[in-house]
Amino acid sequence: MVRNRAGSQEIVQRLEHSFDEPFTVEGCVLHGSASFGISLYPEDGASESSLLNTADAAMYAAKNAKRKDRSMAHK
């Protein structure tokens, strides 16, 4: 169980790193990535919809940060 933001960030990092290496499915090598958005009750919202909205915004912020990092790496 996640009890605080630091704990959730640690889990997210472990999940994201699980996509670092390519994997093979039926002979095809696949490269993947994942973005996660986390919201915690009650600091990020008190209702289901507010928590989902906060998590959704966090996920898109993570996606945009990854895109920015990738574009900077190619310059």
N, C-alpha and C. Protein backbone atom coordinates (compact mmCIF):
# COMPACT_ATOMS: atom_id res chain seq x y z
N MET A 1 0.84 -1.18 0.00
CA MET A 1 0.00 0.00 0.00
C MET A 1 0.89 1.24 0.00
N VAL A 2 0.51 2.21 -0.81
CA VAL A 2 1.24 3.48 -0.87
C VAL A 2 0.70 4.39 0.22
N ARG A 3 1.61 4.94 1.01
CA ARG A 3 1.18 5.78 2.12
C ARG A 3 1.55 7.26 1.94
N ASN A 4 2.40 7.55 0.95
CA ASN A 4 2.80 8.95 0.75
C ASN A 4 3.29 9.14 -0.69
N ARG A 5 3.51 10.39 -1.04
CA ARG A 5 3.92 10.72 -2.41
C ARG A 5 5.26 10.09 -2.77
N ALA A 6 6.20 10.08 -1.84
CA ALA A 6 7.52 9.48 -2.12
C ALA A 6 7.36 8.00 -2.45
N GLY A 7 6.51 7.30 -1.72
CA GLY A 7 6.28 5.89 -1.99
C GLY A 7 5.67 5.67 -3.36
N SER A 8 4.75 6.55 -3.75
CA SER A 8 4.12 6.40 -5.07
C SER A 8 5.13 6.70 -6.17
N GLN A 9 6.00 7.68 -5.97
CA GLN A 9 7.00 8.01 -6.98
C GLN A 9 8.00 6.87 -7.15
N GLU A 10 8.33 6.19 -6.07
CA GLU A 10 9.24 5.05 -6.16
C GLU A 10 8.61 3.93 -7.00
N ILE A 11 7.34 3.67 -6.78
CA ILE A 11 6.66 2.63 -7.56
C ILE A 11 6.58 3.02 -9.03
N VAL A 12 6.26 4.27 -9.31
CA VAL A 12 6.20 4.75 -10.69
C VAL A 12 7.55 4.59 -11.37
N GLN A 13 8.63 4.95 -10.69
CA GLN A 13 9.97 4.80 -11.28
C GLN A 13 10.27 3.35 -11.60
N ARG A 14 9.90 2.44 -10.69
CA ARG A 14 10.13 1.01 -10.94
C ARG A 14 9.31 0.54 -12.14
N LEU A 15 8.06 0.98 -12.24
CA LEU A 15 7.23 0.60 -13.38
C LEU A 15 7.80 1.15 -14.69
N GLU A 16 8.21 2.42 -14.67
CA GLU A 16 8.78 3.02 -15.89
C GLU A 16 10.05 2.31 -16.31
N HIS A 17 10.90 1.96 -15.34
CA HIS A 17 12.16 1.28 -15.66
C HIS A 17 11.94 -0.13 -16.21
N SER A 18 10.79 -0.70 -15.93
CA SER A 18 10.52 -2.04 -16.47
C SER A 18 10.40 -2.01 -17.99
N PHE A 19 10.25 -0.81 -18.57
CA PHE A 19 10.18 -0.67 -20.02
C PHE A 19 11.52 -0.24 -20.63
N ASP A 20 12.57 -0.11 -19.83
CA ASP A 20 13.86 0.34 -20.33
C ASP A 20 14.45 -0.60 -21.38
N GLU A 21 14.34 -1.89 -21.14
CA GLU A 21 14.91 -2.87 -22.05
C GLU A 21 13.85 -3.35 -23.03
N PRO A 22 14.25 -3.56 -24.28
CA PRO A 22 13.29 -4.14 -25.23
C PRO A 22 12.89 -5.55 -24.80
N PHE A 23 11.73 -5.98 -25.24
CA PHE A 23 11.28 -7.33 -24.93
C PHE A 23 10.77 -7.98 -26.20
N THR A 24 10.73 -9.30 -26.20
CA THR A 24 10.38 -10.05 -27.39
C THR A 24 9.04 -10.75 -27.18
N VAL A 25 8.17 -10.59 -28.17
CA VAL A 25 6.87 -11.26 -28.17
C VAL A 25 6.73 -11.97 -29.51
N GLU A 26 6.62 -13.27 -29.47
CA GLU A 26 6.46 -14.09 -30.67
C GLU A 26 7.51 -13.75 -31.72
N GLY A 27 8.75 -13.59 -31.27
CA GLY A 27 9.86 -13.33 -32.18
C GLY A 27 10.04 -11.89 -32.59
N CYS A 28 9.17 -11.00 -32.18
CA CYS A 28 9.29 -9.58 -32.52
C CYS A 28 9.85 -8.81 -31.33
N VAL A 29 10.89 -8.02 -31.59
CA VAL A 29 11.48 -7.21 -30.53
C VAL A 29 10.68 -5.92 -30.42
N LEU A 30 10.20 -5.64 -29.23
CA LEU A 30 9.37 -4.46 -28.98
C LEU A 30 10.06 -3.52 -28.01
N HIS A 31 9.92 -2.24 -28.29
CA HIS A 31 10.42 -1.18 -27.40
C HIS A 31 9.19 -0.45 -26.88
N GLY A 32 9.12 -0.29 -25.59
CA GLY A 32 7.94 0.33 -25.02
C GLY A 32 8.29 1.44 -24.06
N SER A 33 7.28 2.15 -23.66
CA SER A 33 7.41 3.16 -22.63
C SER A 33 6.05 3.30 -21.96
N ALA A 34 6.04 3.92 -20.83
CA ALA A 34 4.79 4.13 -20.12
C ALA A 34 4.87 5.44 -19.35
N SER A 35 3.73 6.07 -19.22
CA SER A 35 3.63 7.28 -18.42
C SER A 35 2.52 7.07 -17.40
N PHE A 36 2.76 7.52 -16.20
CA PHE A 36 1.82 7.31 -15.11
C PHE A 36 1.46 8.64 -14.48
N GLY A 37 0.24 8.73 -14.04
CA GLY A 37 -0.22 9.89 -13.29
C GLY A 37 -0.74 9.43 -11.95
N ILE A 38 -0.27 10.04 -10.91
CA ILE A 38 -0.65 9.64 -9.56
C ILE A 38 -1.36 10.80 -8.87
N SER A 39 -2.40 10.48 -8.16
CA SER A 39 -3.02 11.45 -7.26
C SER A 39 -3.28 10.75 -5.95
N LEU A 40 -3.15 11.50 -4.87
CA LEU A 40 -3.32 10.94 -3.53
C LEU A 40 -4.47 11.63 -2.81
N TYR A 41 -5.23 10.83 -2.11
CA TYR A 41 -6.32 11.35 -1.28
C TYR A 41 -5.78 11.65 0.11
N PRO A 42 -6.09 12.71 0.70
CA PRO A 42 -6.97 13.80 0.29
C PRO A 42 -6.23 15.01 -0.30
N GLU A 43 -4.88 14.96 -0.32
CA GLU A 43 -4.14 16.16 -0.73
C GLU A 43 -4.37 16.58 -2.18
N ASP A 44 -4.71 15.63 -3.07
CA ASP A 44 -4.93 15.96 -4.48
C ASP A 44 -6.40 16.01 -4.87
N GLY A 45 -7.27 15.75 -3.93
CA GLY A 45 -8.70 15.81 -4.21
C GLY A 45 -9.47 14.97 -3.23
N ALA A 46 -10.74 15.32 -3.07
CA ALA A 46 -11.59 14.62 -2.11
C ALA A 46 -12.60 13.72 -2.80
N SER A 47 -12.82 13.93 -4.08
CA SER A 47 -13.79 13.10 -4.80
C SER A 47 -13.09 12.24 -5.85
N GLU A 48 -13.78 11.21 -6.28
CA GLU A 48 -13.23 10.33 -7.31
C GLU A 48 -12.90 11.13 -8.57
N SER A 49 -13.80 12.00 -8.99
CA SER A 49 -13.57 12.75 -10.23
C SER A 49 -12.39 13.71 -10.08
N SER A 50 -12.23 14.34 -8.94
CA SER A 50 -11.09 15.26 -8.78
C SER A 50 -9.78 14.49 -8.73
N LEU A 51 -9.78 13.31 -8.11
CA LEU A 51 -8.57 12.49 -8.09
C LEU A 51 -8.22 11.99 -9.48
N LEU A 52 -9.23 11.57 -10.25
CA LEU A 52 -8.97 11.13 -11.63
C LEU A 52 -8.46 12.28 -12.50
N ASN A 53 -9.04 13.46 -12.34
CA ASN A 53 -8.59 14.62 -13.12
C ASN A 53 -7.15 14.98 -12.78
N THR A 54 -6.80 14.94 -11.50
CA THR A 54 -5.44 15.25 -11.08
C THR A 54 -4.46 14.21 -11.62
N ALA A 55 -4.82 12.94 -11.53
CA ALA A 55 -3.96 11.87 -12.04
C ALA A 55 -3.80 11.99 -13.55
N ASP A 56 -4.88 12.31 -14.26
CA ASP A 56 -4.83 12.47 -15.71
C ASP A 56 -3.90 13.63 -16.09
N ALA A 57 -4.02 14.75 -15.40
CA ALA A 57 -3.14 15.89 -15.67
C ALA A 57 -1.68 15.52 -15.39
N ALA A 58 -1.44 14.77 -14.32
CA ALA A 58 -0.08 14.35 -13.99
C ALA A 58 0.48 13.42 -15.05
N MET A 59 -0.36 12.54 -15.60
CA MET A 59 0.10 11.62 -16.65
C MET A 59 0.51 12.40 -17.90
N TYR A 60 -0.31 13.37 -18.31
CA TYR A 60 0.04 14.15 -19.50
C TYR A 60 1.26 15.02 -19.26
N ALA A 61 1.45 15.51 -18.05
CA ALA A 61 2.67 16.26 -17.73
C ALA A 61 3.89 15.34 -17.84
N ALA A 62 3.76 14.10 -17.39
CA ALA A 62 4.86 13.14 -17.49
C ALA A 62 5.17 12.83 -18.96
N LYS A 63 4.13 12.65 -19.76
CA LYS A 63 4.32 12.39 -21.20
C LYS A 63 5.06 13.56 -21.86
N ASN A 64 4.62 14.76 -21.57
CA ASN A 64 5.26 15.94 -22.17
C ASN A 64 6.70 16.09 -21.73
N ALA A 65 6.99 15.79 -20.47
CA ALA A 65 8.37 15.87 -19.98
C ALA A 65 9.24 14.85 -20.69
N LYS A 66 8.73 13.65 -20.93
CA LYS A 66 9.49 12.63 -21.65
C LYS A 66 9.76 13.07 -23.09
N ARG A 67 8.76 13.64 -23.74
CA ARG A 67 8.95 14.13 -25.12
C ARG A 67 10.03 15.20 -25.16
N LYS A 68 9.97 16.10 -24.20
CA LYS A 68 10.97 17.18 -24.14
C LYS A 68 12.36 16.60 -23.93
N ASP A 69 12.49 15.64 -23.02
CA ASP A 69 13.78 14.99 -22.76
C ASP A 69 14.31 14.32 -24.02
N ARG A 70 13.43 13.61 -24.74
CA ARG A 70 13.85 12.92 -25.97
C ARG A 70 14.28 13.90 -27.04
N SER A 71 13.55 15.01 -27.17
CA SER A 71 13.91 15.99 -28.21
C SER A 71 15.23 16.68 -27.87
N MET A 72 15.48 16.91 -26.59
CA MET A 72 16.75 17.53 -26.18
C MET A 72 17.92 16.56 -26.41
N ALA A 73 17.67 15.27 -26.24
CA ALA A 73 18.72 14.26 -26.42
C ALA A 73 19.12 14.13 -27.88
N HIS A 74 18.23 14.48 -28.82
CA HIS A 74 18.51 14.35 -30.24
C HIS A 74 19.13 15.60 -30.84
N LYS A 75 19.34 16.62 -30.04
CA LYS A 75 19.92 17.87 -30.57
C LYS A 75 21.42 17.85 -30.48
